[in-house]
Amino acid sequence: MSTASVDEMIADTDAADAAGFVDELDTPDLKQRFETDNEFLFLDEFLPAETTTQFQARIPELTEAIHRNFIPRHKKGGSVSRYALDELAPEIPALYRNPKFIAWLERLTGETLEVCPESDPHAYALYFYTEPGDHIGWHFDTSYYAGKRYTLLLGVIDESSSQLEFELFKNDDDRETVADARNLRPGAMCFFNGDEVWHRITPLGENERRISLTFEYVTDAHMGRWQRFVSNMKDSIAYFGFKQVFKRNKR
């Protein structure tokens, strides 16, 4: 698909409200599920098919921007930071910042949510699992911000056997841990409090491909100097490389 045709398709969608689909959701029921499941919600069908198709159409343009990384016994894969998405896939940051979309997430959480500052390359990013063994090990999405950090994962491409495995109530001594696993198929979503949900992505098999999109929202976007340094080091080593993180922030 040519760039012109992708842009035309996006312009057609922009004529309508790109986040209007949330009006069709049973938000009170989803909020109850989110609260009951330790601030965690998974939906097999979330994004409209046309929105997912737009994101998929941008993938060929983004391959040059992929930064691959390997941390033995923890992580292997590729990432594209917000900076590349700003230039090459503007419909992604547009959805991330969409007021109606954010307001809907606020209804789920009961919190006032903020977008991350421009210095955060992880505010929205694409994860590419495209080589055998690509994965990420067990972890929390630790917040270095003063407030809570909420992670939203969206399925873009999934031609794989990889799964999102997760454990709920791991930090709650009064509750039994609940373990489960899901496939993040195109259009699916997973939304959770990063400090509460223990999770991983299982290794990619031969001739498989998995690409997902992440959005990050916080309740307080302030971050101390030391926390910012630690966050930048983590993003440099595990995701985007030192050039993307430190040179962009300095600029």
C-alpha atoms as a PDB file:
ATOM      1  CA  MET A   1       0.000   0.000   0.000  1.00  0.00           C
ATOM      2  CA  SER A   2       1.440   3.405  -0.997  1.00  0.00           C
ATOM      3  CA  THR A   3       1.994   6.204   1.490  1.00  0.00           C
ATOM      4  CA  ALA A   4      -0.560   8.320  -0.354  1.00  0.00           C
ATOM      5  CA  SER A   5      -3.256   5.658  -0.026  1.00  0.00           C
ATOM      6  CA  VAL A   6      -2.504   5.211   3.683  1.00  0.00           C
ATOM      7  CA  ASP A   7      -2.770   8.949   4.260  1.00  0.00           C
ATOM      8  CA  GLU A   8      -6.030   9.117   2.318  1.00  0.00           C
ATOM      9  CA  MET A   9      -7.477   6.313   4.410  1.00  0.00           C
ATOM     10  CA  ILE A  10      -6.437   8.070   7.608  1.00  0.00           C
ATOM     11  CA  ALA A  11      -7.896  11.387   6.418  1.00  0.00           C
ATOM     12  CA  ASP A  12     -11.230   9.660   5.829  1.00  0.00           C
ATOM     13  CA  THR A  13     -11.214   8.316   9.381  1.00  0.00           C
ATOM     14  CA  ASP A  14     -10.114  11.657  10.825  1.00  0.00           C
ATOM     15  CA  ALA A  15     -13.224  13.207   9.336  1.00  0.00           C
ATOM     16  CA  ALA A  16     -15.102  11.241  11.978  1.00  0.00           C
ATOM     17  CA  ASP A  17     -14.151  10.936  15.636  1.00  0.00           C
ATOM     18  CA  ALA A  18     -11.235   8.497  15.799  1.00  0.00           C
ATOM     19  CA  ALA A  19     -12.190   7.546  19.372  1.00  0.00           C
ATOM     20  CA  GLY A  20     -15.930   7.470  18.815  1.00  0.00           C
ATOM     21  CA  PHE A  21     -15.932   3.677  19.116  1.00  0.00           C
ATOM     22  CA  VAL A  22     -15.643   3.924  22.913  1.00  0.00           C
ATOM     23  CA  ASP A  23     -19.220   5.231  23.007  1.00  0.00           C
ATOM     24  CA  GLU A  24     -20.392   1.767  21.977  1.00  0.00           C
ATOM     25  CA  LEU A  25     -18.691   0.029  24.913  1.00  0.00           C
ATOM     26  CA  ASP A  26     -20.438  -0.995  28.137  1.00  0.00           C
ATOM     27  CA  THR A  27     -18.138   1.142  30.247  1.00  0.00           C
ATOM     28  CA  PRO A  28     -19.795   0.537  33.663  1.00  0.00           C
ATOM     29  CA  ASP A  29     -19.419  -3.228  33.198  1.00  0.00           C
ATOM     30  CA  LEU A  30     -15.819  -2.891  31.998  1.00  0.00           C
ATOM     31  CA  LYS A  31     -14.989  -0.623  34.941  1.00  0.00           C
ATOM     32  CA  GLN A  32     -16.330  -3.236  37.347  1.00  0.00           C
ATOM     33  CA  ARG A  33     -14.233  -5.933  35.665  1.00  0.00           C
ATOM     34  CA  PHE A  34     -11.172  -3.667  35.797  1.00  0.00           C
ATOM     35  CA  GLU A  35     -11.593  -3.071  39.532  1.00  0.00           C
ATOM     36  CA  THR A  36     -12.391  -6.706  40.347  1.00  0.00           C
ATOM     37  CA  ASP A  37      -9.333  -7.981  38.453  1.00  0.00           C
ATOM     38  CA  ASN A  38      -6.680  -5.930  40.242  1.00  0.00           C
ATOM     39  CA  GLU A  39      -6.829  -2.980  37.806  1.00  0.00           C
ATOM     40  CA  PHE A  40      -6.575  -5.217  34.753  1.00  0.00           C
ATOM     41  CA  LEU A  41      -8.782  -5.488  31.677  1.00  0.00           C
ATOM     42  CA  PHE A  42      -8.381  -7.608  28.531  1.00  0.00           C
ATOM     43  CA  LEU A  43     -10.672  -7.328  25.502  1.00  0.00           C
ATOM     44  CA  ASP A  44     -10.307  -9.610  22.476  1.00  0.00           C
ATOM     45  CA  GLU A  45     -12.090  -7.023  20.317  1.00  0.00           C
ATOM     46  CA  PHE A  46     -11.472  -3.343  20.989  1.00  0.00           C
ATOM     47  CA  LEU A  47     -10.131  -1.241  18.117  1.00  0.00           C
ATOM     48  CA  PRO A  48     -12.301  -0.827  15.025  1.00  0.00           C
ATOM     49  CA  ALA A  49     -11.044  -2.905  12.092  1.00  0.00           C
ATOM     50  CA  GLU A  50     -10.282   0.229  10.053  1.00  0.00           C
ATOM     51  CA  THR A  51      -8.060   1.629  12.817  1.00  0.00           C
ATOM     52  CA  THR A  52      -6.116  -1.621  13.084  1.00  0.00           C
ATOM     53  CA  THR A  53      -5.736  -1.680   9.290  1.00  0.00           C
ATOM     54  CA  GLN A  54      -4.290   1.871   9.388  1.00  0.00           C
ATOM     55  CA  PHE A  55      -1.704   0.840  11.963  1.00  0.00           C
ATOM     56  CA  GLN A  56      -0.807  -2.285   9.999  1.00  0.00           C
ATOM     57  CA  ALA A  57      -0.386  -0.237   6.817  1.00  0.00           C
ATOM     58  CA  ARG A  58       2.320   1.864   8.495  1.00  0.00           C
ATOM     59  CA  ILE A  59       4.510  -1.118   9.438  1.00  0.00           C
ATOM     60  CA  PRO A  60       6.572  -1.230   6.193  1.00  0.00           C
ATOM     61  CA  GLU A  61       7.475   2.443   6.649  1.00  0.00           C
ATOM     62  CA  LEU A  62       8.641   1.847  10.218  1.00  0.00           C
ATOM     63  CA  THR A  63      11.021  -1.070   9.693  1.00  0.00           C
ATOM     64  CA  GLU A  64      14.008   1.257   9.199  1.00  0.00           C
ATOM     65  CA  ALA A  65      13.324   2.799  12.616  1.00  0.00           C
ATOM     66  CA  ILE A  66      13.412  -0.488  14.559  1.00  0.00           C
ATOM     67  CA  HIS A  67      16.065  -0.693  17.273  1.00  0.00           C
ATOM     68  CA  ARG A  68      16.813  -4.303  18.197  1.00  0.00           C
ATOM     69  CA  ASN A  69      18.097  -5.263  21.621  1.00  0.00           C
ATOM     70  CA  PHE A  70      19.098  -8.352  23.542  1.00  0.00           C
ATOM     71  CA  ILE A  71      19.401  -8.729  27.299  1.00  0.00           C
ATOM     72  CA  PRO A  72      20.421 -12.309  28.140  1.00  0.00           C
ATOM     73  CA  ARG A  73      17.777 -14.269  30.044  1.00  0.00           C
ATOM     74  CA  HIS A  74      15.338 -11.346  29.973  1.00  0.00           C
ATOM     75  CA  LYS A  75      14.552  -9.678  26.636  1.00  0.00           C
ATOM     76  CA  LYS A  76      15.055  -9.950  22.890  1.00  0.00           C
ATOM     77  CA  GLY A  77      13.181  -7.975  20.250  1.00  0.00           C
ATOM     78  CA  GLY A  78      12.803  -4.667  18.468  1.00  0.00           C
ATOM     79  CA  SER A  79      11.220  -1.342  19.376  1.00  0.00           C
ATOM     80  CA  VAL A  80      10.157   1.859  17.606  1.00  0.00           C
ATOM     81  CA  SER A  81       9.939   4.922  19.835  1.00  0.00           C
ATOM     82  CA  ARG A  82       7.461   7.780  19.883  1.00  0.00           C
ATOM     83  CA  TYR A  83       9.887   9.951  17.923  1.00  0.00           C
ATOM     84  CA  ALA A  84       9.656   7.750  14.824  1.00  0.00           C
ATOM     85  CA  LEU A  85       5.889   7.387  15.250  1.00  0.00           C
ATOM     86  CA  ASP A  86       5.506  11.175  15.408  1.00  0.00           C
ATOM     87  CA  GLU A  87       7.160  11.428  12.000  1.00  0.00           C
ATOM     88  CA  LEU A  88       5.937   8.307  10.228  1.00  0.00           C
ATOM     89  CA  ALA A  89       2.634   7.270  11.840  1.00  0.00           C
ATOM     90  CA  PRO A  90       0.937  10.425  13.184  1.00  0.00           C
ATOM     91  CA  GLU A  91      -2.421   8.672  13.639  1.00  0.00           C
ATOM     92  CA  ILE A  92      -0.878   6.750  16.566  1.00  0.00           C
ATOM     93  CA  PRO A  93       0.013   9.819  18.687  1.00  0.00           C
ATOM     94  CA  ALA A  94      -3.304  11.348  17.609  1.00  0.00           C
ATOM     95  CA  LEU A  95      -5.206   8.457  19.221  1.00  0.00           C
ATOM     96  CA  TYR A  96      -2.894   8.535  22.246  1.00  0.00           C
ATOM     97  CA  ARG A  97      -3.748  12.203  22.876  1.00  0.00           C
ATOM     98  CA  ASN A  98      -7.407  12.023  21.846  1.00  0.00           C
ATOM     99  CA  PRO A  99      -9.415  13.712  24.648  1.00  0.00           C
ATOM    100  CA  LYS A 100     -12.388  11.353  24.303  1.00  0.00           C
ATOM    101  CA  PHE A 101     -10.086   8.323  24.432  1.00  0.00           C
ATOM    102  CA  ILE A 102      -8.325   9.600  27.559  1.00  0.00           C
ATOM    103  CA  ALA A 103     -11.639  10.472  29.193  1.00  0.00           C
ATOM    104  CA  TRP A 104     -12.819   6.903  28.629  1.00  0.00           C
ATOM    105  CA  LEU A 105      -9.684   5.506  30.279  1.00  0.00           C
ATOM    106  CA  GLU A 106     -10.253   7.883  33.185  1.00  0.00           C
ATOM    107  CA  ARG A 107     -13.735   6.433  33.625  1.00  0.00           C
ATOM    108  CA  LEU A 108     -12.189   2.971  33.919  1.00  0.00           C
ATOM    109  CA  THR A 109      -9.512   3.960  36.421  1.00  0.00           C
ATOM    110  CA  GLY A 110     -11.328   6.647  38.389  1.00  0.00           C
ATOM    111  CA  GLU A 111      -8.127   8.683  38.056  1.00  0.00           C
ATOM    112  CA  THR A 112      -7.171  11.878  36.245  1.00  0.00           C
ATOM    113  CA  LEU A 113      -4.705  10.751  33.595  1.00  0.00           C
ATOM    114  CA  GLU A 114      -1.912  12.699  31.952  1.00  0.00           C
ATOM    115  CA  VAL A 115       0.003  11.999  28.776  1.00  0.00           C
ATOM    116  CA  CYS A 116       3.726  11.558  29.282  1.00  0.00           C
ATOM    117  CA  PRO A 117       6.107  14.455  28.558  1.00  0.00           C
ATOM    118  CA  GLU A 118       7.807  14.731  25.180  1.00  0.00           C
ATOM    119  CA  SER A 119      11.082  13.622  26.770  1.00  0.00           C
ATOM    120  CA  ASP A 120       9.643  10.128  27.372  1.00  0.00           C
ATOM    121  CA  PRO A 121      10.343   7.894  24.324  1.00  0.00           C
ATOM    122  CA  HIS A 122       8.130   5.223  25.854  1.00  0.00           C
ATOM    123  CA  ALA A 123       4.924   7.297  25.948  1.00  0.00           C
ATOM    124  CA  TYR A 124       3.801   5.348  22.890  1.00  0.00           C
ATOM    125  CA  ALA A 125       5.868   2.776  21.043  1.00  0.00           C
ATOM    126  CA  LEU A 126       5.692  -0.292  18.828  1.00  0.00           C
ATOM    127  CA  TYR A 127       7.195  -3.616  19.882  1.00  0.00           C
ATOM    128  CA  PHE A 128       8.452  -5.894  17.105  1.00  0.00           C
ATOM    129  CA  TYR A 129       8.829  -9.616  17.786  1.00  0.00           C
ATOM    130  CA  THR A 130      10.097 -10.796  14.412  1.00  0.00           C
ATOM    131  CA  GLU A 131      12.949 -13.223  15.043  1.00  0.00           C
ATOM    132  CA  PRO A 132      12.824 -16.687  16.642  1.00  0.00           C
ATOM    133  CA  GLY A 133      13.155 -16.432  20.410  1.00  0.00           C
ATOM    134  CA  ASP A 134      12.039 -12.787  20.643  1.00  0.00           C
ATOM    135  CA  HIS A 135      10.384 -12.326  24.040  1.00  0.00           C
ATOM    136  CA  ILE A 136      10.343 -10.354  27.264  1.00  0.00           C
ATOM    137  CA  GLY A 137      10.635 -11.983  30.672  1.00  0.00           C
ATOM    138  CA  TRP A 138       8.543 -11.539  33.793  1.00  0.00           C
ATOM    139  CA  HIS A 139       8.321  -7.931  34.972  1.00  0.00           C
ATOM    140  CA  PHE A 140       6.169  -5.103  36.290  1.00  0.00           C
ATOM    141  CA  ASP A 141       5.862  -1.874  34.281  1.00  0.00           C
ATOM    142  CA  THR A 142       7.535   0.031  37.083  1.00  0.00           C
ATOM    143  CA  SER A 143       6.622   3.697  37.289  1.00  0.00           C
ATOM    144  CA  TYR A 144       9.438   6.186  37.756  1.00  0.00           C
ATOM    145  CA  TYR A 145       6.872   8.976  37.774  1.00  0.00           C
ATOM    146  CA  ALA A 146       5.516  10.504  40.961  1.00  0.00           C
ATOM    147  CA  GLY A 147       2.100   8.984  40.242  1.00  0.00           C
ATOM    148  CA  LYS A 148       0.710   5.711  38.954  1.00  0.00           C
ATOM    149  CA  ARG A 149       1.542   4.441  35.483  1.00  0.00           C
ATOM    150  CA  TYR A 150      -1.125   2.731  33.387  1.00  0.00           C
ATOM    151  CA  THR A 151      -0.148   0.619  30.378  1.00  0.00           C
ATOM    152  CA  LEU A 152      -2.376   0.041  27.369  1.00  0.00           C
ATOM    153  CA  LEU A 153      -1.343  -2.708  24.933  1.00  0.00           C
ATOM    154  CA  LEU A 154      -2.986  -2.923  21.504  1.00  0.00           C
ATOM    155  CA  GLY A 155      -2.642  -5.818  19.083  1.00  0.00           C
ATOM    156  CA  VAL A 156      -1.455  -4.803  15.594  1.00  0.00           C
ATOM    157  CA  ILE A 157      -0.131  -7.997  13.960  1.00  0.00           C
ATOM    158  CA  ASP A 158      -0.113 -11.472  15.471  1.00  0.00           C
ATOM    159  CA  GLU A 159       1.013 -14.357  13.307  1.00  0.00           C
ATOM    160  CA  SER A 160       2.519 -16.208  16.229  1.00  0.00           C
ATOM    161  CA  SER A 161       2.177 -18.635  19.104  1.00  0.00           C
ATOM    162  CA  SER A 162       3.476 -16.013  21.571  1.00  0.00           C
ATOM    163  CA  GLN A 163       1.205 -15.163  24.465  1.00  0.00           C
ATOM    164  CA  LEU A 164       0.847 -12.447  27.049  1.00  0.00           C
ATOM    165  CA  GLU A 165       1.110 -14.336  30.333  1.00  0.00           C
ATOM    166  CA  PHE A 166       0.105 -12.488  33.493  1.00  0.00           C
ATOM    167  CA  GLU A 167      -0.471 -12.888  37.211  1.00  0.00           C
ATOM    168  CA  LEU A 168      -3.040 -10.823  39.098  1.00  0.00           C
ATOM    169  CA  PHE A 169      -2.942 -10.032  42.849  1.00  0.00           C
ATOM    170  CA  LYS A 170       0.762 -10.940  43.047  1.00  0.00           C
ATOM    171  CA  ASN A 171       1.345  -8.032  45.450  1.00  0.00           C
ATOM    172  CA  ASP A 172      -1.715  -8.812  47.577  1.00  0.00           C
ATOM    173  CA  ASP A 173      -0.916 -11.128  50.493  1.00  0.00           C
ATOM    174  CA  ASP A 174      -4.631 -11.507  51.227  1.00  0.00           C
ATOM    175  CA  ARG A 175      -5.521 -12.825  47.760  1.00  0.00           C
ATOM    176  CA  GLU A 176      -4.550 -15.925  45.856  1.00  0.00           C
ATOM    177  CA  THR A 177      -2.556 -15.105  42.728  1.00  0.00           C
ATOM    178  CA  VAL A 178      -4.558 -15.594  39.527  1.00  0.00           C
ATOM    179  CA  ALA A 179      -2.511 -16.678  36.483  1.00  0.00           C
ATOM    180  CA  ASP A 180      -3.679 -16.647  32.875  1.00  0.00           C
ATOM    181  CA  ALA A 181      -2.443 -16.168  29.286  1.00  0.00           C
ATOM    182  CA  ARG A 182      -3.930 -14.500  26.212  1.00  0.00           C
ATOM    183  CA  ASN A 183      -3.064 -13.916  22.565  1.00  0.00           C
ATOM    184  CA  LEU A 184      -2.975 -10.221  21.681  1.00  0.00           C
ATOM    185  CA  ARG A 185      -4.643 -10.530  18.291  1.00  0.00           C
ATOM    186  CA  PRO A 186      -5.086  -7.528  15.958  1.00  0.00           C
ATOM    187  CA  GLY A 187      -7.525  -5.068  17.531  1.00  0.00           C
ATOM    188  CA  ALA A 188      -7.322  -6.626  21.004  1.00  0.00           C
ATOM    189  CA  MET A 189      -6.394  -4.561  24.054  1.00  0.00           C
ATOM    190  CA  CYS A 190      -4.949  -5.035  27.517  1.00  0.00           C
ATOM    191  CA  PHE A 191      -5.086  -2.173  30.038  1.00  0.00           C
ATOM    192  CA  PHE A 192      -3.561  -2.369  33.504  1.00  0.00           C
ATOM    193  CA  ASN A 193      -1.788  -0.662  36.394  1.00  0.00           C
ATOM    194  CA  GLY A 194       1.886  -1.269  35.599  1.00  0.00           C
ATOM    195  CA  ASP A 195       2.904  -1.638  39.230  1.00  0.00           C
ATOM    196  CA  GLU A 196       0.294  -4.307  39.948  1.00  0.00           C
ATOM    197  CA  VAL A 197       0.326  -6.820  37.076  1.00  0.00           C
ATOM    198  CA  TRP A 198       3.238  -9.260  36.773  1.00  0.00           C
ATOM    199  CA  HIS A 199       3.538 -10.243  33.097  1.00  0.00           C
ATOM    200  CA  ARG A 200       5.699 -11.466  30.227  1.00  0.00           C
ATOM    201  CA  ILE A 201       5.600 -12.295  26.488  1.00  0.00           C
ATOM    202  CA  THR A 202       6.516 -15.903  25.678  1.00  0.00           C
ATOM    203  CA  PRO A 203       9.217 -16.600  23.029  1.00  0.00           C
ATOM    204  CA  LEU A 204       8.428 -16.292  19.344  1.00  0.00           C
ATOM    205  CA  GLY A 205       8.627 -19.447  17.212  1.00  0.00           C
ATOM    206  CA  GLU A 206      10.090 -20.012  13.756  1.00  0.00           C
ATOM    207  CA  ASN A 207       8.561 -18.052  10.865  1.00  0.00           C
ATOM    208  CA  GLU A 208       6.341 -16.072  13.227  1.00  0.00           C
ATOM    209  CA  ARG A 209       5.681 -12.357  13.681  1.00  0.00           C
ATOM    210  CA  ARG A 210       4.077 -10.336  16.457  1.00  0.00           C
ATOM    211  CA  ILE A 211       3.782  -6.529  16.596  1.00  0.00           C
ATOM    212  CA  SER A 212       2.016  -4.649  19.385  1.00  0.00           C
ATOM    213  CA  LEU A 213       1.499  -1.016  20.303  1.00  0.00           C
ATOM    214  CA  THR A 214       1.837   0.415  23.790  1.00  0.00           C
ATOM    215  CA  PHE A 215       0.441   3.630  25.294  1.00  0.00           C
ATOM    216  CA  GLU A 216       1.548   4.916  28.692  1.00  0.00           C
ATOM    217  CA  TYR A 217      -0.518   7.254  30.878  1.00  0.00           C
ATOM    218  CA  VAL A 218       0.305   8.573  34.340  1.00  0.00           C
ATOM    219  CA  THR A 219      -1.511  10.256  37.220  1.00  0.00           C
ATOM    220  CA  ASP A 220       1.380  12.634  37.909  1.00  0.00           C
ATOM    221  CA  ALA A 221       3.936  13.365  35.172  1.00  0.00           C
ATOM    222  CA  HIS A 222       6.572  14.736  37.554  1.00  0.00           C
ATOM    223  CA  MET A 223       9.787  12.751  37.793  1.00  0.00           C
ATOM    224  CA  GLY A 224      12.915  13.389  39.872  1.00  0.00           C
ATOM    225  CA  ARG A 225      16.322  13.739  38.234  1.00  0.00           C
ATOM    226  CA  TRP A 226      17.561  10.379  39.504  1.00  0.00           C
ATOM    227  CA  GLN A 227      14.366   8.622  38.460  1.00  0.00           C
ATOM    228  CA  ARG A 228      14.616  10.233  35.011  1.00  0.00           C
ATOM    229  CA  PHE A 229      18.205   9.021  34.649  1.00  0.00           C
ATOM    230  CA  VAL A 230      17.237   5.464  35.644  1.00  0.00           C
ATOM    231  CA  SER A 231      14.253   5.531  33.299  1.00  0.00           C
ATOM    232  CA  ASN A 232      16.384   6.813  30.414  1.00  0.00           C
ATOM    233  CA  MET A 233      19.037   4.166  31.025  1.00  0.00           C
ATOM    234  CA  LYS A 234      16.377   1.434  31.015  1.00  0.00           C
ATOM    235  CA  ASP A 235      14.864   2.728  27.776  1.00  0.00           C
ATOM    236  CA  SER A 236      18.308   3.047  26.175  1.00  0.00           C
ATOM    237  CA  ILE A 237      19.456  -0.472  27.025  1.00  0.00           C
ATOM    238  CA  ALA A 238      16.212  -2.406  26.775  1.00  0.00           C
ATOM    239  CA  TYR A 239      14.304  -0.565  24.056  1.00  0.00           C
ATOM    240  CA  PHE A 240      15.444   2.352  21.903  1.00  0.00           C
ATOM    241  CA  GLY A 241      19.226   2.825  22.142  1.00  0.00           C
ATOM    242  CA  PHE A 242      21.250   5.663  23.642  1.00  0.00           C
ATOM    243  CA  LYS A 243      21.047   7.875  20.552  1.00  0.00           C
ATOM    244  CA  GLN A 244      17.238   7.866  20.508  1.00  0.00           C
ATOM    245  CA  VAL A 245      16.894   8.504  24.233  1.00  0.00           C
ATOM    246  CA  PHE A 246      19.687  10.830  25.337  1.00  0.00           C
ATOM    247  CA  LYS A 247      20.297  12.856  22.164  1.00  0.00           C
ATOM    248  CA  ARG A 248      16.581  13.436  21.709  1.00  0.00           C
ATOM    249  CA  ASN A 249      16.146  14.490  25.332  1.00  0.00           C
ATOM    250  CA  LYS A 250      19.149  16.825  25.145  1.00  0.00           C
ATOM    251  CA  ARG A 251      17.743  18.385  21.980  1.00  0.00           C
END
